[in-house]
Amino acid sequence: MTITKINAVSRASLKIKDVFYTFEFGAEVSVEPKDDIEKVKEDLWNECHSEVDKQIADVVASTKKSNE
């Protein structure tokens, strides 16, 4: 089997007071035969998780500001 693309999606849900939020980010990368597939997967997962973490941080910060 030859892998030519890798796709990853990260998703998290969070409840702040009585409101539920769902955050999601996905990405796809093309790979070449010379690429280290495990490293590409690790980097892609890290990117997806990082983006979801940023989305969560933005909403948490904005809800804190609105409560001040």
PDB file of N, CA and C in Angstrom:
ATOM      1  N   MET A   1       0.848  -1.174   0.000  1.00  0.00           N
ATOM      2  CA  MET A   1       0.000   0.000   0.000  1.00  0.00           C
ATOM      3  C   MET A   1       0.893   1.237   0.000  1.00  0.00           C
ATOM      4  N   THR A   2       0.508   2.196  -0.808  1.00  0.00           N
ATOM      5  CA  THR A   2       1.226   3.459  -0.865  1.00  0.00           C
ATOM      6  C   THR A   2       0.333   4.565  -0.325  1.00  0.00           C
ATOM      7  N   ILE A   3       0.813   5.261   0.677  1.00  0.00           N
ATOM      8  CA  ILE A   3       0.061   6.377   1.257  1.00  0.00           C
ATOM      9  C   ILE A   3       0.472   7.649   0.526  1.00  0.00           C
ATOM     10  N   THR A   4      -0.529   8.370   0.014  1.00  0.00           N
ATOM     11  CA  THR A   4      -0.242   9.622  -0.694  1.00  0.00           C
ATOM     12  C   THR A   4      -0.791  10.842   0.031  1.00  0.00           C
ATOM     13  N   LYS A   5      -1.788  10.636   0.906  1.00  0.00           N
ATOM     14  CA  LYS A   5      -2.378  11.731   1.681  1.00  0.00           C
ATOM     15  C   LYS A   5      -2.724  11.235   3.076  1.00  0.00           C
ATOM     16  N   ILE A   6      -2.654  12.158   4.026  1.00  0.00           N
ATOM     17  CA  ILE A   6      -3.064  11.862   5.394  1.00  0.00           C
ATOM     18  C   ILE A   6      -4.016  12.968   5.836  1.00  0.00           C
ATOM     19  N   ASN A   7      -5.120  12.567   6.439  1.00  0.00           N
ATOM     20  CA  ASN A   7      -6.146  13.496   6.883  1.00  0.00           C
ATOM     21  C   ASN A   7      -6.321  13.320   8.389  1.00  0.00           C
ATOM     22  N   ALA A   8      -6.452  14.425   9.121  1.00  0.00           N
ATOM     23  CA  ALA A   8      -6.692  14.363  10.562  1.00  0.00           C
ATOM     24  C   ALA A   8      -7.732  15.409  10.950  1.00  0.00           C
ATOM     25  N   VAL A   9      -8.548  15.068  11.932  1.00  0.00           N
ATOM     26  CA  VAL A   9      -9.545  15.998  12.458  1.00  0.00           C
ATOM     27  C   VAL A   9      -9.496  15.916  13.980  1.00  0.00           C
ATOM     28  N   SER A  10      -9.435  17.069  14.612  1.00  0.00           N
ATOM     29  CA  SER A  10      -9.472  17.141  16.065  1.00  0.00           C
ATOM     30  C   SER A  10     -10.761  17.849  16.461  1.00  0.00           C
ATOM     31  N   ARG A  11     -11.407  17.344  17.500  1.00  0.00           N
ATOM     32  CA  ARG A  11     -12.673  17.931  17.951  1.00  0.00           C
ATOM     33  C   ARG A  11     -12.733  17.847  19.467  1.00  0.00           C
ATOM     34  N   ALA A  12     -13.287  18.885  20.068  1.00  0.00           N
ATOM     35  CA  ALA A  12     -13.495  18.893  21.520  1.00  0.00           C
ATOM     36  C   ALA A  12     -14.782  19.640  21.816  1.00  0.00           C
ATOM     37  N   SER A  13     -15.458  19.209  22.862  1.00  0.00           N
ATOM     38  CA  SER A  13     -16.666  19.894  23.317  1.00  0.00           C
ATOM     39  C   SER A  13     -16.435  20.378  24.740  1.00  0.00           C
ATOM     40  N   LEU A  14     -17.115  21.469  25.055  1.00  0.00           N
ATOM     41  CA  LEU A  14     -16.896  22.129  26.334  1.00  0.00           C
ATOM     42  C   LEU A  14     -18.185  22.809  26.767  1.00  0.00           C
ATOM     43  N   LYS A  15     -18.474  22.752  28.048  1.00  0.00           N
ATOM     44  CA  LYS A  15     -19.654  23.434  28.577  1.00  0.00           C
ATOM     45  C   LYS A  15     -19.184  24.580  29.458  1.00  0.00           C
ATOM     46  N   ILE A  16     -19.648  25.783  29.119  1.00  0.00           N
ATOM     47  CA  ILE A  16     -19.362  26.964  29.932  1.00  0.00           C
ATOM     48  C   ILE A  16     -20.710  27.475  30.411  1.00  0.00           C
ATOM     49  N   LYS A  17     -20.899  27.452  31.715  1.00  0.00           N
ATOM     50  CA  LYS A  17     -22.205  27.740  32.326  1.00  0.00           C
ATOM     51  C   LYS A  17     -23.217  26.788  31.721  1.00  0.00           C
ATOM     52  N   ASP A  18     -24.239  27.285  31.054  1.00  0.00           N
ATOM     53  CA  ASP A  18     -25.266  26.404  30.481  1.00  0.00           C
ATOM     54  C   ASP A  18     -25.154  26.272  28.970  1.00  0.00           C
ATOM     55  N   VAL A  19     -24.025  26.661  28.409  1.00  0.00           N
ATOM     56  CA  VAL A  19     -23.856  26.645  26.951  1.00  0.00           C
ATOM     57  C   VAL A  19     -22.788  25.622  26.568  1.00  0.00           C
ATOM     58  N   PHE A  20     -23.138  24.774  25.621  1.00  0.00           N
ATOM     59  CA  PHE A  20     -22.177  23.802  25.093  1.00  0.00           C
ATOM     60  C   PHE A  20     -21.531  24.359  23.834  1.00  0.00           C
ATOM     61  N   TYR A  21     -20.231  24.168  23.701  1.00  0.00           N
ATOM     62  CA  TYR A  21     -19.477  24.591  22.525  1.00  0.00           C
ATOM     63  C   TYR A  21     -18.761  23.368  21.963  1.00  0.00           C
ATOM     64  N   THR A  22     -18.708  23.287  20.648  1.00  0.00           N
ATOM     65  CA  THR A  22     -17.920  22.244  19.991  1.00  0.00           C
ATOM     66  C   THR A  22     -16.928  22.920  19.064  1.00  0.00           C
ATOM     67  N   PHE A  23     -15.710  22.479  19.140  1.00  0.00           N
ATOM     68  CA  PHE A  23     -14.622  23.060  18.354  1.00  0.00           C
ATOM     69  C   PHE A  23     -14.044  21.966  17.478  1.00  0.00           C
ATOM     70  N   GLU A  24     -13.684  22.333  16.256  1.00  0.00           N
ATOM     71  CA  GLU A  24     -13.165  21.327  15.333  1.00  0.00           C
ATOM     72  C   GLU A  24     -12.197  21.964  14.348  1.00  0.00           C
ATOM     73  N   PHE A  25     -11.163  21.213  14.008  1.00  0.00           N
ATOM     74  CA  PHE A  25     -10.227  21.624  12.975  1.00  0.00           C
ATOM     75  C   PHE A  25      -9.729  20.372  12.274  1.00  0.00           C
ATOM     76  N   GLY A  26      -9.675  20.432  10.963  1.00  0.00           N
ATOM     77  CA  GLY A  26      -9.171  19.310  10.181  1.00  0.00           C
ATOM     78  C   GLY A  26      -8.198  19.793   9.128  1.00  0.00           C
ATOM     79  N   ALA A  27      -7.315  18.924   8.736  1.00  0.00           N
ATOM     80  CA  ALA A  27      -6.336  19.251   7.705  1.00  0.00           C
ATOM     81  C   ALA A  27      -5.928  17.976   6.970  1.00  0.00           C
ATOM     82  N   GLU A  28      -5.468  18.156   5.763  1.00  0.00           N
ATOM     83  CA  GLU A  28      -4.986  17.051   4.944  1.00  0.00           C
ATOM     84  C   GLU A  28      -3.645  17.446   4.353  1.00  0.00           C
ATOM     85  N   VAL A  29      -2.713  16.524   4.352  1.00  0.00           N
ATOM     86  CA  VAL A  29      -1.407  16.773   3.752  1.00  0.00           C
ATOM     87  C   VAL A  29      -1.090  15.668   2.747  1.00  0.00           C
ATOM     88  N   SER A  30      -0.390  16.058   1.713  1.00  0.00           N
ATOM     89  CA  SER A  30       0.118  15.086   0.743  1.00  0.00           C
ATOM     90  C   SER A  30       1.485  14.626   1.213  1.00  0.00           C
ATOM     91  N   VAL A  31       1.778  13.365   0.986  1.00  0.00           N
ATOM     92  CA  VAL A  31       3.072  12.832   1.382  1.00  0.00           C
ATOM     93  C   VAL A  31       3.784  12.239   0.174  1.00  0.00           C
ATOM     94  N   GLU A  32       5.079  12.286   0.262  1.00  0.00           N
ATOM     95  CA  GLU A  32       5.942  11.719  -0.768  1.00  0.00           C
ATOM     96  C   GLU A  32       6.526  10.407  -0.245  1.00  0.00           C
ATOM     97  N   PRO A  33       6.938   9.529  -1.134  1.00  0.00           N
ATOM     98  CA  PRO A  33       7.514   8.258  -0.679  1.00  0.00           C
ATOM     99  C   PRO A  33       8.710   8.418   0.274  1.00  0.00           C
ATOM    100  N   LYS A  34       9.435   9.520   0.144  1.00  0.00           N
ATOM    101  CA  LYS A  34      10.613   9.749   0.988  1.00  0.00           C
ATOM    102  C   LYS A  34      10.264  10.265   2.377  1.00  0.00           C
ATOM    103  N   ASP A  35       9.012  10.702   2.582  1.00  0.00           N
ATOM    104  CA  ASP A  35       8.602  11.274   3.859  1.00  0.00           C
ATOM    105  C   ASP A  35       8.533  10.206   4.951  1.00  0.00           C
ATOM    106  N   ASP A  36       8.832  10.633   6.168  1.00  0.00           N
ATOM    107  CA  ASP A  36       8.668   9.792   7.358  1.00  0.00           C
ATOM    108  C   ASP A  36       7.195   9.881   7.762  1.00  0.00           C
ATOM    109  N   ILE A  37       6.419   8.865   7.425  1.00  0.00           N
ATOM    110  CA  ILE A  37       4.972   8.883   7.620  1.00  0.00           C
ATOM    111  C   ILE A  37       4.613   9.120   9.087  1.00  0.00           C
ATOM    112  N   GLU A  38       5.300   8.492  10.006  1.00  0.00           N
ATOM    113  CA  GLU A  38       5.000   8.677  11.426  1.00  0.00           C
ATOM    114  C   GLU A  38       5.231  10.125  11.860  1.00  0.00           C
ATOM    115  N   LYS A  39       6.275  10.743  11.358  1.00  0.00           N
ATOM    116  CA  LYS A  39       6.563  12.150  11.685  1.00  0.00           C
ATOM    117  C   LYS A  39       5.504  13.061  11.076  1.00  0.00           C
ATOM    118  N   VAL A  40       5.092  12.790   9.845  1.00  0.00           N
ATOM    119  CA  VAL A  40       4.052  13.582   9.188  1.00  0.00           C
ATOM    120  C   VAL A  40       2.750  13.475   9.990  1.00  0.00           C
ATOM    121  N   LYS A  41       2.386  12.259  10.403  1.00  0.00           N
ATOM    122  CA  LYS A  41       1.160  12.074  11.196  1.00  0.00           C
ATOM    123  C   LYS A  41       1.249  12.824  12.521  1.00  0.00           C
ATOM    124  N   GLU A  42       2.372  12.714  13.196  1.00  0.00           N
ATOM    125  CA  GLU A  42       2.544  13.400  14.477  1.00  0.00           C
ATOM    126  C   GLU A  42       2.420  14.917  14.308  1.00  0.00           C
ATOM    127  N   ASP A  43       3.072  15.466  13.291  1.00  0.00           N
ATOM    128  CA  ASP A  43       3.005  16.909  13.045  1.00  0.00           C
ATOM    129  C   ASP A  43       1.587  17.352  12.698  1.00  0.00           C
ATOM    130  N   LEU A  44       0.884  16.550  11.913  1.00  0.00           N
ATOM    131  CA  LEU A  44      -0.479  16.881  11.519  1.00  0.00           C
ATOM    132  C   LEU A  44      -1.404  16.852  12.743  1.00  0.00           C
ATOM    133  N   TRP A  45      -1.297  15.815  13.571  1.00  0.00           N
ATOM    134  CA  TRP A  45      -2.109  15.764  14.782  1.00  0.00           C
ATOM    135  C   TRP A  45      -1.813  16.946  15.692  1.00  0.00           C
ATOM    136  N   ASN A  46      -0.538  17.266  15.865  1.00  0.00           N
ATOM    137  CA  ASN A  46      -0.171  18.397  16.715  1.00  0.00           C
ATOM    138  C   ASN A  46      -0.777  19.694  16.191  1.00  0.00           C
ATOM    139  N   GLU A  47      -0.762  19.882  14.890  1.00  0.00           N
ATOM    140  CA  GLU A  47      -1.345  21.087  14.279  1.00  0.00           C
ATOM    141  C   GLU A  47      -2.854  21.139  14.532  1.00  0.00           C
ATOM    142  N   CYS A  48      -3.537  20.044  14.309  1.00  0.00           N
ATOM    143  CA  CYS A  48      -4.994  20.009  14.515  1.00  0.00           C
ATOM    144  C   CYS A  48      -5.355  20.255  15.972  1.00  0.00           C
ATOM    145  N   HIS A  49      -4.675  19.582  16.894  1.00  0.00           N
ATOM    146  CA  HIS A  49      -4.958  19.779  18.320  1.00  0.00           C
ATOM    147  C   HIS A  49      -4.648  21.217  18.748  1.00  0.00           C
ATOM    148  N   SER A  50      -3.569  21.777  18.227  1.00  0.00           N
ATOM    149  CA  SER A  50      -3.188  23.154  18.556  1.00  0.00           C
ATOM    150  C   SER A  50      -4.257  24.147  18.107  1.00  0.00           C
ATOM    151  N   GLU A  51      -4.797  23.945  16.928  1.00  0.00           N
ATOM    152  CA  GLU A  51      -5.841  24.839  16.425  1.00  0.00           C
ATOM    153  C   GLU A  51      -7.100  24.756  17.285  1.00  0.00           C
ATOM    154  N   VAL A  52      -7.487  23.558  17.689  1.00  0.00           N
ATOM    155  CA  VAL A  52      -8.659  23.404  18.560  1.00  0.00           C
ATOM    156  C   VAL A  52      -8.383  24.057  19.919  1.00  0.00           C
ATOM    157  N   ASP A  53      -7.183  23.878  20.446  1.00  0.00           N
ATOM    158  CA  ASP A  53      -6.820  24.521  21.715  1.00  0.00           C
ATOM    159  C   ASP A  53      -6.937  26.042  21.612  1.00  0.00           C
ATOM    160  N   LYS A  54      -6.511  26.613  20.478  1.00  0.00           N
ATOM    161  CA  LYS A  54      -6.618  28.063  20.272  1.00  0.00           C
ATOM    162  C   LYS A  54      -8.082  28.497  20.224  1.00  0.00           C
ATOM    163  N   GLN A  55      -8.918  27.732  19.541  1.00  0.00           N
ATOM    164  CA  GLN A  55     -10.341  28.060  19.467  1.00  0.00           C
ATOM    165  C   GLN A  55     -10.958  28.063  20.867  1.00  0.00           C
ATOM    166  N   ILE A  56     -10.624  27.056  21.652  1.00  0.00           N
ATOM    167  CA  ILE A  56     -11.151  26.970  23.018  1.00  0.00           C
ATOM    168  C   ILE A  56     -10.675  28.164  23.841  1.00  0.00           C
ATOM    169  N   ALA A  57      -9.402  28.475  23.756  1.00  0.00           N
ATOM    170  CA  ALA A  57      -8.851  29.601  24.519  1.00  0.00           C
ATOM    171  C   ALA A  57      -9.542  30.906  24.144  1.00  0.00           C
ATOM    172  N   ASP A  58      -9.837  31.105  22.860  1.00  0.00           N
ATOM    173  CA  ASP A  58     -10.518  32.320  22.418  1.00  0.00           C
ATOM    174  C   ASP A  58     -11.909  32.431  23.022  1.00  0.00           C
ATOM    175  N   VAL A  59     -12.661  31.340  23.024  1.00  0.00           N
ATOM    176  CA  VAL A  59     -14.023  31.369  23.573  1.00  0.00           C
ATOM    177  C   VAL A  59     -13.984  31.543  25.090  1.00  0.00           C
ATOM    178  N   VAL A  60     -13.084  30.854  25.755  1.00  0.00           N
ATOM    179  CA  VAL A  60     -12.982  30.995  27.209  1.00  0.00           C
ATOM    180  C   VAL A  60     -12.630  32.441  27.562  1.00  0.00           C
ATOM    181  N   ALA A  61     -11.689  33.025  26.839  1.00  0.00           N
ATOM    182  CA  ALA A  61     -11.309  34.416  27.095  1.00  0.00           C
ATOM    183  C   ALA A  61     -12.466  35.372  26.833  1.00  0.00           C
ATOM    184  N   SER A  62     -13.209  35.142  25.762  1.00  0.00           N
ATOM    185  CA  SER A  62     -14.310  36.056  25.453  1.00  0.00           C
ATOM    186  C   SER A  62     -15.459  35.919  26.450  1.00  0.00           C
ATOM    187  N   THR A  63     -15.689  34.710  26.974  1.00  0.00           N
ATOM    188  CA  THR A  63     -16.747  34.560  27.972  1.00  0.00           C
ATOM    189  C   THR A  63     -16.329  35.173  29.303  1.00  0.00           C
ATOM    190  N   LYS A  64     -15.042  35.138  29.612  1.00  0.00           N
ATOM    191  CA  LYS A  64     -14.568  35.782  30.840  1.00  0.00           C
ATOM    192  C   LYS A  64     -14.732  37.301  30.732  1.00  0.00           C
ATOM    193  N   LYS A  65     -14.415  37.850  29.560  1.00  0.00           N
ATOM    194  CA  LYS A  65     -14.529  39.295  29.351  1.00  0.00           C
ATOM    195  C   LYS A  65     -15.993  39.734  29.457  1.00  0.00           C
ATOM    196  N   SER A  66     -16.899  38.941  28.908  1.00  0.00           N
ATOM    197  CA  SER A  66     -18.304  39.319  28.934  1.00  0.00           C
ATOM    198  C   SER A  66     -18.905  39.214  30.334  1.00  0.00           C
ATOM    199  N   ASN A  67     -18.243  38.480  31.214  1.00  0.00           N
ATOM    200  CA  ASN A  67     -18.725  38.334  32.596  1.00  0.00           C
ATOM    201  C   ASN A  67     -18.138  39.373  33.546  1.00  0.00           C
ATOM    202  N   GLU A  68     -17.206  40.166  33.045  1.00  0.00           N
ATOM    203  CA  GLU A  68     -16.556  41.171  33.919  1.00  0.00           C
ATOM    204  C   GLU A  68     -17.405  42.398  34.046  1.00  0.00           C
TER     205      GLU A  68
END
